[in-house]
PDB file of all heavy atoms in Angstrom:
ATOM      1  N   GLY A   1     -79.895  71.762  29.596  1.00  0.00           N
ATOM      2  CA  GLY A   1     -79.118  71.958  28.385  1.00  0.00           C
ATOM      3  C   GLY A   1     -78.794  70.659  27.673  1.00  0.00           C
ATOM      4  O   GLY A   1     -78.800  70.580  26.443  1.00  0.00           O
ATOM      5  N   ILE A   2     -78.506  69.603  28.450  1.00  0.00           N
ATOM      6  CA  ILE A   2     -78.204  68.320  27.833  1.00  0.00           C
ATOM      7  C   ILE A   2     -79.457  67.473  27.670  1.00  0.00           C
ATOM      8  O   ILE A   2     -79.571  66.681  26.723  1.00  0.00           O
ATOM      9  CB  ILE A   2     -77.108  67.566  28.627  1.00  0.00           C
ATOM     10  CG1 ILE A   2     -76.488  66.462  27.761  1.00  0.00           C
ATOM     11  CG2 ILE A   2     -77.632  67.011  29.952  1.00  0.00           C
ATOM     12  CD1 ILE A   2     -75.218  65.869  28.338  1.00  0.00           C
ATOM     13  N   PHE A   3     -80.457  67.637  28.544  1.00  0.00           N
ATOM     14  CA  PHE A   3     -81.691  66.844  28.452  1.00  0.00           C
ATOM     15  C   PHE A   3     -82.551  67.241  27.257  1.00  0.00           C
ATOM     16  O   PHE A   3     -83.113  66.369  26.578  1.00  0.00           O
ATOM     17  CB  PHE A   3     -82.549  67.030  29.713  1.00  0.00           C
ATOM     18  CG  PHE A   3     -82.090  66.298  30.941  1.00  0.00           C
ATOM     19  CD1 PHE A   3     -80.933  65.532  30.944  1.00  0.00           C
ATOM     20  CD2 PHE A   3     -82.825  66.373  32.122  1.00  0.00           C
ATOM     21  CE1 PHE A   3     -80.509  64.873  32.100  1.00  0.00           C
ATOM     22  CE2 PHE A   3     -82.413  65.723  33.275  1.00  0.00           C
ATOM     23  CZ  PHE A   3     -81.262  64.982  33.266  1.00  0.00           C
ATOM     24  N   TYR A   4     -82.713  68.536  27.032  1.00  0.00           N
ATOM     25  CA  TYR A   4     -83.740  69.018  26.109  1.00  0.00           C
ATOM     26  C   TYR A   4     -83.642  68.375  24.718  1.00  0.00           C
ATOM     27  O   TYR A   4     -84.651  67.884  24.199  1.00  0.00           O
ATOM     28  CB  TYR A   4     -83.691  70.544  26.027  1.00  0.00           C
ATOM     29  CG  TYR A   4     -84.784  71.151  25.168  1.00  0.00           C
ATOM     30  CD1 TYR A   4     -86.123  70.931  25.458  1.00  0.00           C
ATOM     31  CD2 TYR A   4     -84.474  71.939  24.059  1.00  0.00           C
ATOM     32  CE1 TYR A   4     -87.128  71.486  24.671  1.00  0.00           C
ATOM     33  CE2 TYR A   4     -85.464  72.499  23.276  1.00  0.00           C
ATOM     34  CZ  TYR A   4     -86.781  72.260  23.584  1.00  0.00           C
ATOM     35  OH  TYR A   4     -87.772  72.812  22.803  1.00  0.00           O
ATOM     36  N   PRO A   5     -82.464  68.330  24.079  1.00  0.00           N
ATOM     37  CA  PRO A   5     -82.404  67.690  22.767  1.00  0.00           C
ATOM     38  C   PRO A   5     -82.656  66.190  22.800  1.00  0.00           C
ATOM     39  O   PRO A   5     -82.918  65.583  21.759  1.00  0.00           O
ATOM     40  CB  PRO A   5     -80.972  68.003  22.304  1.00  0.00           C
ATOM     41  CG  PRO A   5     -80.586  69.239  23.055  1.00  0.00           C
ATOM     42  CD  PRO A   5     -81.208  69.036  24.412  1.00  0.00           C
ATOM     43  N   TYR A   6     -82.585  65.592  23.985  1.00  0.00           N
ATOM     44  CA  TYR A   6     -82.809  64.146  24.112  1.00  0.00           C
ATOM     45  C   TYR A   6     -84.237  63.778  24.512  1.00  0.00           C
ATOM     46  O   TYR A   6     -84.571  62.588  24.557  1.00  0.00           O
ATOM     47  CB  TYR A   6     -81.834  63.544  25.134  1.00  0.00           C
ATOM     48  CG  TYR A   6     -80.473  63.223  24.563  1.00  0.00           C
ATOM     49  CD1 TYR A   6     -79.379  64.044  24.795  1.00  0.00           C
ATOM     50  CD2 TYR A   6     -80.287  62.088  23.768  1.00  0.00           C
ATOM     51  CE1 TYR A   6     -78.131  63.752  24.269  1.00  0.00           C
ATOM     52  CE2 TYR A   6     -79.036  61.786  23.237  1.00  0.00           C
ATOM     53  CZ  TYR A   6     -77.969  62.625  23.477  1.00  0.00           C
ATOM     54  OH  TYR A   6     -76.727  62.329  22.941  1.00  0.00           O
ATOM     55  N   ILE A   7     -85.077  64.742  24.797  1.00  0.00           N
ATOM     56  CA  ILE A   7     -86.421  64.426  25.297  1.00  0.00           C
ATOM     57  C   ILE A   7     -87.187  63.548  24.317  1.00  0.00           C
ATOM     58  O   ILE A   7     -87.888  62.600  24.712  1.00  0.00           O
ATOM     59  CB  ILE A   7     -87.204  65.721  25.629  1.00  0.00           C
ATOM     60  CG1 ILE A   7     -86.609  66.364  26.885  1.00  0.00           C
ATOM     61  CG2 ILE A   7     -88.695  65.419  25.842  1.00  0.00           C
ATOM     62  CD1 ILE A   7     -87.201  67.726  27.238  1.00  0.00           C
ATOM     63  N   ASN A   8     -87.049  63.828  23.034  1.00  0.00           N
ATOM     64  CA  ASN A   8     -87.761  63.026  22.032  1.00  0.00           C
ATOM     65  C   ASN A   8     -87.065  61.710  21.703  1.00  0.00           C
ATOM     66  O   ASN A   8     -87.557  60.931  20.895  1.00  0.00           O
ATOM     67  CB  ASN A   8     -87.970  63.837  20.753  1.00  0.00           C
ATOM     68  CG  ASN A   8     -89.047  64.915  20.931  1.00  0.00           C
ATOM     69  OD1 ASN A   8     -89.989  64.752  21.700  1.00  0.00           O
ATOM     70  ND2 ASN A   8     -88.895  66.029  20.226  1.00  0.00           N
ATOM     71  N   HIS A   9     -85.916  61.453  22.291  1.00  0.00           N
ATOM     72  CA  HIS A   9     -85.220  60.173  22.127  1.00  0.00           C
ATOM     73  C   HIS A   9     -85.642  59.254  23.278  1.00  0.00           C
ATOM     74  O   HIS A   9     -84.959  59.132  24.298  1.00  0.00           O
ATOM     75  CB  HIS A   9     -83.697  60.384  22.114  1.00  0.00           C
ATOM     76  CG  HIS A   9     -83.192  61.083  20.892  1.00  0.00           C
ATOM     77  ND1 HIS A   9     -82.509  60.431  19.885  1.00  0.00           N
ATOM     78  CD2 HIS A   9     -83.288  62.372  20.512  1.00  0.00           C
ATOM     79  CE1 HIS A   9     -82.201  61.292  18.941  1.00  0.00           C
ATOM     80  NE2 HIS A   9     -82.645  62.481  19.287  1.00  0.00           N
ATOM     81  N   SER A  10     -86.758  58.597  23.095  1.00  0.00           N
ATOM     82  CA  SER A  10     -87.398  57.872  24.198  1.00  0.00           C
ATOM     83  C   SER A  10     -86.556  56.723  24.754  1.00  0.00           C
ATOM     84  O   SER A  10     -86.755  56.306  25.901  1.00  0.00           O
ATOM     85  CB  SER A  10     -88.775  57.344  23.757  1.00  0.00           C
ATOM     86  OG  SER A  10     -88.648  56.531  22.599  1.00  0.00           O
ATOM     87  N   ALA A  11     -85.617  56.205  23.964  1.00  0.00           N
ATOM     88  CA  ALA A  11     -84.787  55.096  24.448  1.00  0.00           C
ATOM     89  C   ALA A  11     -83.691  55.561  25.409  1.00  0.00           C
ATOM     90  O   ALA A  11     -83.043  54.730  26.055  1.00  0.00           O
ATOM     91  CB  ALA A  11     -84.151  54.365  23.271  1.00  0.00           C
ATOM     92  N   THR A  12     -83.473  56.852  25.503  1.00  0.00           N
ATOM     93  CA  THR A  12     -82.437  57.402  26.382  1.00  0.00           C
ATOM     94  C   THR A  12     -83.052  57.864  27.700  1.00  0.00           C
ATOM     95  O   THR A  12     -83.904  58.744  27.712  1.00  0.00           O
ATOM     96  CB  THR A  12     -81.713  58.586  25.710  1.00  0.00           C
ATOM     97  OG1 THR A  12     -81.069  58.139  24.499  1.00  0.00           O
ATOM     98  CG2 THR A  12     -80.671  59.188  26.640  1.00  0.00           C
ATOM     99  N   ARG A  13     -82.625  57.259  28.802  1.00  0.00           N
ATOM    100  CA  ARG A  13     -83.083  57.700  30.118  1.00  0.00           C
ATOM    101  C   ARG A  13     -82.456  59.048  30.464  1.00  0.00           C
ATOM    102  O   ARG A  13     -81.276  59.287  30.182  1.00  0.00           O
ATOM    103  CB  ARG A  13     -82.697  56.677  31.197  1.00  0.00           C
ATOM    104  CG  ARG A  13     -83.395  55.349  31.095  1.00  0.00           C
ATOM    105  CD  ARG A  13     -82.772  54.333  32.059  1.00  0.00           C
ATOM    106  NE  ARG A  13     -82.961  54.715  33.467  1.00  0.00           N
ATOM    107  CZ  ARG A  13     -82.364  54.091  34.484  1.00  0.00           C
ATOM    108  NH1 ARG A  13     -81.520  53.090  34.252  1.00  0.00           N
ATOM    109  NH2 ARG A  13     -82.579  54.475  35.734  1.00  0.00           N
ATOM    110  N   LEU A  14     -83.229  59.915  31.078  1.00  0.00           N
ATOM    111  CA  LEU A  14     -82.737  61.210  31.535  1.00  0.00           C
ATOM    112  C   LEU A  14     -82.773  61.205  33.054  1.00  0.00           C
ATOM    113  O   LEU A  14     -83.836  61.012  33.651  1.00  0.00           O
ATOM    114  CB  LEU A  14     -83.593  62.350  30.980  1.00  0.00           C
ATOM    115  CG  LEU A  14     -83.762  62.394  29.451  1.00  0.00           C
ATOM    116  CD1 LEU A  14     -84.661  63.549  29.047  1.00  0.00           C
ATOM    117  CD2 LEU A  14     -82.399  62.500  28.750  1.00  0.00           C
ATOM    118  N   ILE A  15     -81.612  61.405  33.681  1.00  0.00           N
ATOM    119  CA  ILE A  15     -81.517  61.267  35.134  1.00  0.00           C
ATOM    120  C   ILE A  15     -80.879  62.521  35.732  1.00  0.00           C
ATOM    121  O   ILE A  15     -79.716  62.828  35.472  1.00  0.00           O
ATOM    122  CB  ILE A  15     -80.702  60.018  35.528  1.00  0.00           C
ATOM    123  CG1 ILE A  15     -81.302  58.764  34.864  1.00  0.00           C
ATOM    124  CG2 ILE A  15     -80.664  59.859  37.050  1.00  0.00           C
ATOM    125  CD1 ILE A  15     -80.452  57.521  35.011  1.00  0.00           C
ATOM    126  N   GLY A  16     -81.657  63.243  36.519  1.00  0.00           N
ATOM    127  CA  GLY A  16     -81.163  64.418  37.219  1.00  0.00           C
ATOM    128  C   GLY A  16     -80.737  64.041  38.631  1.00  0.00           C
ATOM    129  O   GLY A  16     -81.435  63.302  39.330  1.00  0.00           O
ATOM    130  N   VAL A  17     -79.582  64.553  39.042  1.00  0.00           N
ATOM    131  CA  VAL A  17     -79.011  64.189  40.340  1.00  0.00           C
ATOM    132  C   VAL A  17     -79.064  65.388  41.275  1.00  0.00           C
ATOM    133  O   VAL A  17     -78.375  66.391  41.073  1.00  0.00           O
ATOM    134  CB  VAL A  17     -77.565  63.697  40.193  1.00  0.00           C
ATOM    135  CG1 VAL A  17     -77.048  63.193  41.537  1.00  0.00           C
ATOM    136  CG2 VAL A  17     -77.474  62.582  39.140  1.00  0.00           C
ATOM    137  N   GLU A  18     -79.891  65.291  42.301  1.00  0.00           N
ATOM    138  CA  GLU A  18     -80.019  66.363  43.284  1.00  0.00           C
ATOM    139  C   GLU A  18     -79.037  66.143  44.434  1.00  0.00           C
ATOM    140  O   GLU A  18     -78.529  65.045  44.647  1.00  0.00           O
ATOM    141  CB  GLU A  18     -81.451  66.412  43.827  1.00  0.00           C
ATOM    142  CG  GLU A  18     -82.491  66.759  42.776  1.00  0.00           C
ATOM    143  CD  GLU A  18     -83.857  67.004  43.391  1.00  0.00           C
ATOM    144  OE1 GLU A  18     -84.405  66.076  44.039  1.00  0.00           O
ATOM    145  OE2 GLU A  18     -84.398  68.099  43.208  1.00  0.00           O
ATOM    146  N   ALA A  19     -78.802  67.222  45.175  1.00  0.00           N
ATOM    147  CA  ALA A  19     -77.895  67.161  46.317  1.00  0.00           C
ATOM    148  C   ALA A  19     -78.628  66.583  47.522  1.00  0.00           C
ATOM    149  O   ALA A  19     -79.486  67.245  48.118  1.00  0.00           O
ATOM    150  CB  ALA A  19     -77.344  68.547  46.631  1.00  0.00           C
ATOM    151  N   ALA A  20     -78.291  65.353  47.893  1.00  0.00           N
ATOM    152  CA  ALA A  20     -78.912  64.717  49.057  1.00  0.00           C
ATOM    153  C   ALA A  20     -78.250  65.131  50.355  1.00  0.00           C
ATOM    154  O   ALA A  20     -78.711  64.725  51.433  1.00  0.00           O
ATOM    155  CB  ALA A  20     -78.881  63.195  48.907  1.00  0.00           C
ATOM    156  N   GLY A  21     -77.173  65.929  50.276  1.00  0.00           N
ATOM    157  CA  GLY A  21     -76.521  66.463  51.474  1.00  0.00           C
ATOM    158  C   GLY A  21     -76.102  65.381  52.449  1.00  0.00           C
ATOM    159  O   GLY A  21     -75.342  64.475  52.130  1.00  0.00           O
ATOM    160  N   GLU A  22     -76.654  65.463  53.663  1.00  0.00           N
ATOM    161  CA  GLU A  22     -76.363  64.454  54.689  1.00  0.00           C
ATOM    162  C   GLU A  22     -77.381  63.321  54.672  1.00  0.00           C
ATOM    163  O   GLU A  22     -77.428  62.499  55.589  1.00  0.00           O
ATOM    164  CB  GLU A  22     -76.307  65.131  56.057  1.00  0.00           C
ATOM    165  CG  GLU A  22     -75.160  66.143  56.180  1.00  0.00           C
ATOM    166  CD  GLU A  22     -75.092  66.820  57.530  1.00  0.00           C
ATOM    167  OE1 GLU A  22     -75.797  66.370  58.468  1.00  0.00           O
ATOM    168  OE2 GLU A  22     -74.333  67.791  57.668  1.00  0.00           O
ATOM    169  N   GLY A  23     -78.211  63.274  53.642  1.00  0.00           N
ATOM    170  CA  GLY A  23     -79.229  62.227  53.497  1.00  0.00           C
ATOM    171  C   GLY A  23     -80.591  62.849  53.226  1.00  0.00           C
ATOM    172  O   GLY A  23     -80.917  63.904  53.768  1.00  0.00           O
ATOM    173  N   LEU A  24     -81.382  62.194  52.382  1.00  0.00           N
ATOM    174  CA  LEU A  24     -82.677  62.746  51.996  1.00  0.00           C
ATOM    175  C   LEU A  24     -83.629  62.895  53.170  1.00  0.00           C
ATOM    176  O   LEU A  24     -84.552  63.714  53.133  1.00  0.00           O
ATOM    177  CB  LEU A  24     -83.320  61.872  50.910  1.00  0.00           C
ATOM    178  CG  LEU A  24     -82.670  61.944  49.515  1.00  0.00           C
ATOM    179  CD1 LEU A  24     -83.318  60.938  48.582  1.00  0.00           C
ATOM    180  CD2 LEU A  24     -82.779  63.359  48.938  1.00  0.00           C
ATOM    181  N   ASP A  25     -83.440  62.107  54.212  1.00  0.00           N
ATOM    182  CA  ASP A  25     -84.322  62.186  55.373  1.00  0.00           C
ATOM    183  C   ASP A  25     -83.670  62.905  56.554  1.00  0.00           C
ATOM    184  O   ASP A  25     -84.209  62.902  57.663  1.00  0.00           O
ATOM    185  CB  ASP A  25     -84.762  60.779  55.791  1.00  0.00           C
ATOM    186  CG  ASP A  25     -85.570  60.080  54.691  1.00  0.00           C
ATOM    187  OD1 ASP A  25     -86.406  60.749  54.050  1.00  0.00           O
ATOM    188  OD2 ASP A  25     -85.339  58.875  54.454  1.00  0.00           O
ATOM    189  N   SER A  26     -82.531  63.544  56.293  1.00  0.00           N
ATOM    190  CA  SER A  26     -81.801  64.215  57.373  1.00  0.00           C
ATOM    191  C   SER A  26     -82.292  65.633  57.633  1.00  0.00           C
ATOM    192  O   SER A  26     -82.005  66.221  58.680  1.00  0.00           O
ATOM    193  CB  SER A  26     -80.308  64.276  57.029  1.00  0.00           C
ATOM    194  OG  SER A  26     -80.109  65.166  55.915  1.00  0.00           O
ATOM    195  N   GLY A  27     -83.014  66.194  56.686  1.00  0.00           N
ATOM    196  CA  GLY A  27     -83.383  67.609  56.774  1.00  0.00           C
ATOM    197  C   GLY A  27     -82.282  68.524  56.285  1.00  0.00           C
ATOM    198  O   GLY A  27     -82.482  69.737  56.169  1.00  0.00           O
ATOM    199  N   LYS A  28     -81.118  67.968  55.959  1.00  0.00           N
ATOM    200  CA  LYS A  28     -79.990  68.752  55.447  1.00  0.00           C
ATOM    201  C   LYS A  28     -79.654  68.299  54.033  1.00  0.00           C
ATOM    202  O   LYS A  28     -78.783  67.448  53.816  1.00  0.00           O
ATOM    203  CB  LYS A  28     -78.779  68.605  56.374  1.00  0.00           C
ATOM    204  CG  LYS A  28     -78.972  69.254  57.745  1.00  0.00           C
ATOM    205  CD  LYS A  28     -77.697  69.210  58.555  1.00  0.00           C
ATOM    206  CE  LYS A  28     -77.823  69.988  59.858  1.00  0.00           C
ATOM    207  NZ  LYS A  28     -76.562  69.979  60.637  1.00  0.00           N
ATOM    208  N   HIS A  29     -80.400  68.841  53.076  1.00  0.00           N
ATOM    209  CA  HIS A  29     -80.219  68.482  51.676  1.00  0.00           C
ATOM    210  C   HIS A  29     -80.786  69.602  50.810  1.00  0.00           C
ATOM    211  O   HIS A  29     -81.293  70.614  51.327  1.00  0.00           O
ATOM    212  CB  HIS A  29     -80.921  67.164  51.361  1.00  0.00           C
ATOM    213  CG  HIS A  29     -82.403  67.198  51.647  1.00  0.00           C
ATOM    214  ND1 HIS A  29     -83.308  67.810  50.818  1.00  0.00           N
ATOM    215  CD2 HIS A  29     -83.128  66.703  52.683  1.00  0.00           C
ATOM    216  CE1 HIS A  29     -84.519  67.708  51.318  1.00  0.00           C
ATOM    217  NE2 HIS A  29     -84.446  67.035  52.464  1.00  0.00           N
ATOM    218  N   SER A  30     -80.717  69.424  49.493  1.00  0.00           N
ATOM    219  CA  SER A  30     -81.286  70.396  48.552  1.00  0.00           C
ATOM    220  C   SER A  30     -82.091  69.682  47.472  1.00  0.00           C
ATOM    221  O   SER A  30     -82.101  70.100  46.313  1.00  0.00           O
ATOM    222  CB  SER A  30     -80.165  71.235  47.922  1.00  0.00           C
ATOM    223  OG  SER A  30     -79.403  71.905  48.896  1.00  0.00           O
ATOM    224  N   ALA A  31     -82.764  68.620  47.866  1.00  0.00           N
ATOM    225  CA  ALA A  31     -83.485  67.769  46.911  1.00  0.00           C
ATOM    226  C   ALA A  31     -84.929  68.247  46.742  1.00  0.00           C
ATOM    227  O   ALA A  31     -85.872  67.670  47.297  1.00  0.00           O
ATOM    228  CB  ALA A  31     -83.441  66.316  47.369  1.00  0.00           C
ATOM    229  N   SER A  32     -85.103  69.292  45.935  1.00  0.00           N
ATOM    230  CA  SER A  32     -86.413  69.937  45.820  1.00  0.00           C
ATOM    231  C   SER A  32     -87.474  69.040  45.202  1.00  0.00           C
ATOM    232  O   SER A  32     -88.636  69.047  45.622  1.00  0.00           O
ATOM    233  CB  SER A  32     -86.292  71.229  44.997  1.00  0.00           C
ATOM    234  OG  SER A  32     -85.308  72.071  45.525  1.00  0.00           O
ATOM    235  N   ILE A  33     -87.101  68.273  44.182  1.00  0.00           N
ATOM    236  CA  ILE A  33     -88.086  67.416  43.519  1.00  0.00           C
ATOM    237  C   ILE A  33     -88.461  66.229  44.400  1.00  0.00           C
ATOM    238  O   ILE A  33     -89.631  65.873  44.528  1.00  0.00           O
ATOM    239  CB  ILE A  33     -87.559  66.948  42.148  1.00  0.00           C
ATOM    240  CG1 ILE A  33     -87.468  68.142  41.197  1.00  0.00           C
ATOM    241  CG2 ILE A  33     -88.457  65.864  41.556  1.00  0.00           C
ATOM    242  CD1 ILE A  33     -86.934  67.810  39.814  1.00  0.00           C
ATOM    243  N   GLN A  34     -87.470  65.628  45.028  1.00  0.00           N
ATOM    244  CA  GLN A  34     -87.728  64.416  45.813  1.00  0.00           C
ATOM    245  C   GLN A  34     -88.350  64.684  47.182  1.00  0.00           C
ATOM    246  O   GLN A  34     -89.057  63.833  47.723  1.00  0.00           O
ATOM    247  CB  GLN A  34     -86.424  63.638  45.998  1.00  0.00           C
ATOM    248  CG  GLN A  34     -85.839  63.109  44.686  1.00  0.00           C
ATOM    249  CD  GLN A  34     -84.439  62.598  44.879  1.00  0.00           C
ATOM    250  OE1 GLN A  34     -84.229  61.428  45.148  1.00  0.00           O
ATOM    251  NE2 GLN A  34     -83.453  63.479  44.736  1.00  0.00           N
ATOM    252  N   ARG A  35     -88.083  65.853  47.747  1.00  0.00           N
ATOM    253  CA  ARG A  35     -88.589  66.138  49.087  1.00  0.00           C
ATOM    254  C   ARG A  35     -89.358  67.460  49.161  1.00  0.00           C
ATOM    255  O   ARG A  35     -89.775  67.869  50.248  1.00  0.00           O
ATOM    256  CB  ARG A  35     -87.440  66.172  50.091  1.00  0.00           C
ATOM    257  CG  ARG A  35     -86.808  64.798  50.357  1.00  0.00           C
ATOM    258  CD  ARG A  35     -87.782  63.875  51.055  1.00  0.00           C
ATOM    259  NE  ARG A  35     -87.171  62.590  51.404  1.00  0.00           N
ATOM    260  CZ  ARG A  35     -87.142  61.539  50.613  1.00  0.00           C
ATOM    261  NH1 ARG A  35     -87.662  61.604  49.391  1.00  0.00           N
ATOM    262  NH2 ARG A  35     -86.602  60.401  51.011  1.00  0.00           N
ATOM    263  N   GLY A  36     -89.591  68.108  48.048  1.00  0.00           N
ATOM    264  CA  GLY A  36     -90.314  69.370  48.046  1.00  0.00           C
ATOM    265  C   GLY A  36     -91.774  69.192  47.664  1.00  0.00           C
ATOM    266  O   GLY A  36     -92.272  68.082  47.477  1.00  0.00           O
ATOM    267  N   SER A  37     -92.473  70.297  47.533  1.00  0.00           N
ATOM    268  CA  SER A  37     -93.880  70.305  47.123  1.00  0.00           C
ATOM    269  C   SER A  37     -94.110  71.538  46.255  1.00  0.00           C
ATOM    270  O   SER A  37     -93.351  72.513  46.336  1.00  0.00           O
ATOM    271  CB  SER A  37     -94.806  70.325  48.347  1.00  0.00           C
ATOM    272  OG  SER A  37     -94.498  71.430  49.195  1.00  0.00           O
TER     273      SER A  37
END
């Protein structure tokens, strides 16, 4: 909702924050983009 109108504003970084839970390498997280396929 907040990213979409900014996609064409190339000078603005868009940063999504996933739930790393107990750590990205712990197996207890919800980081689908960073640790999914």
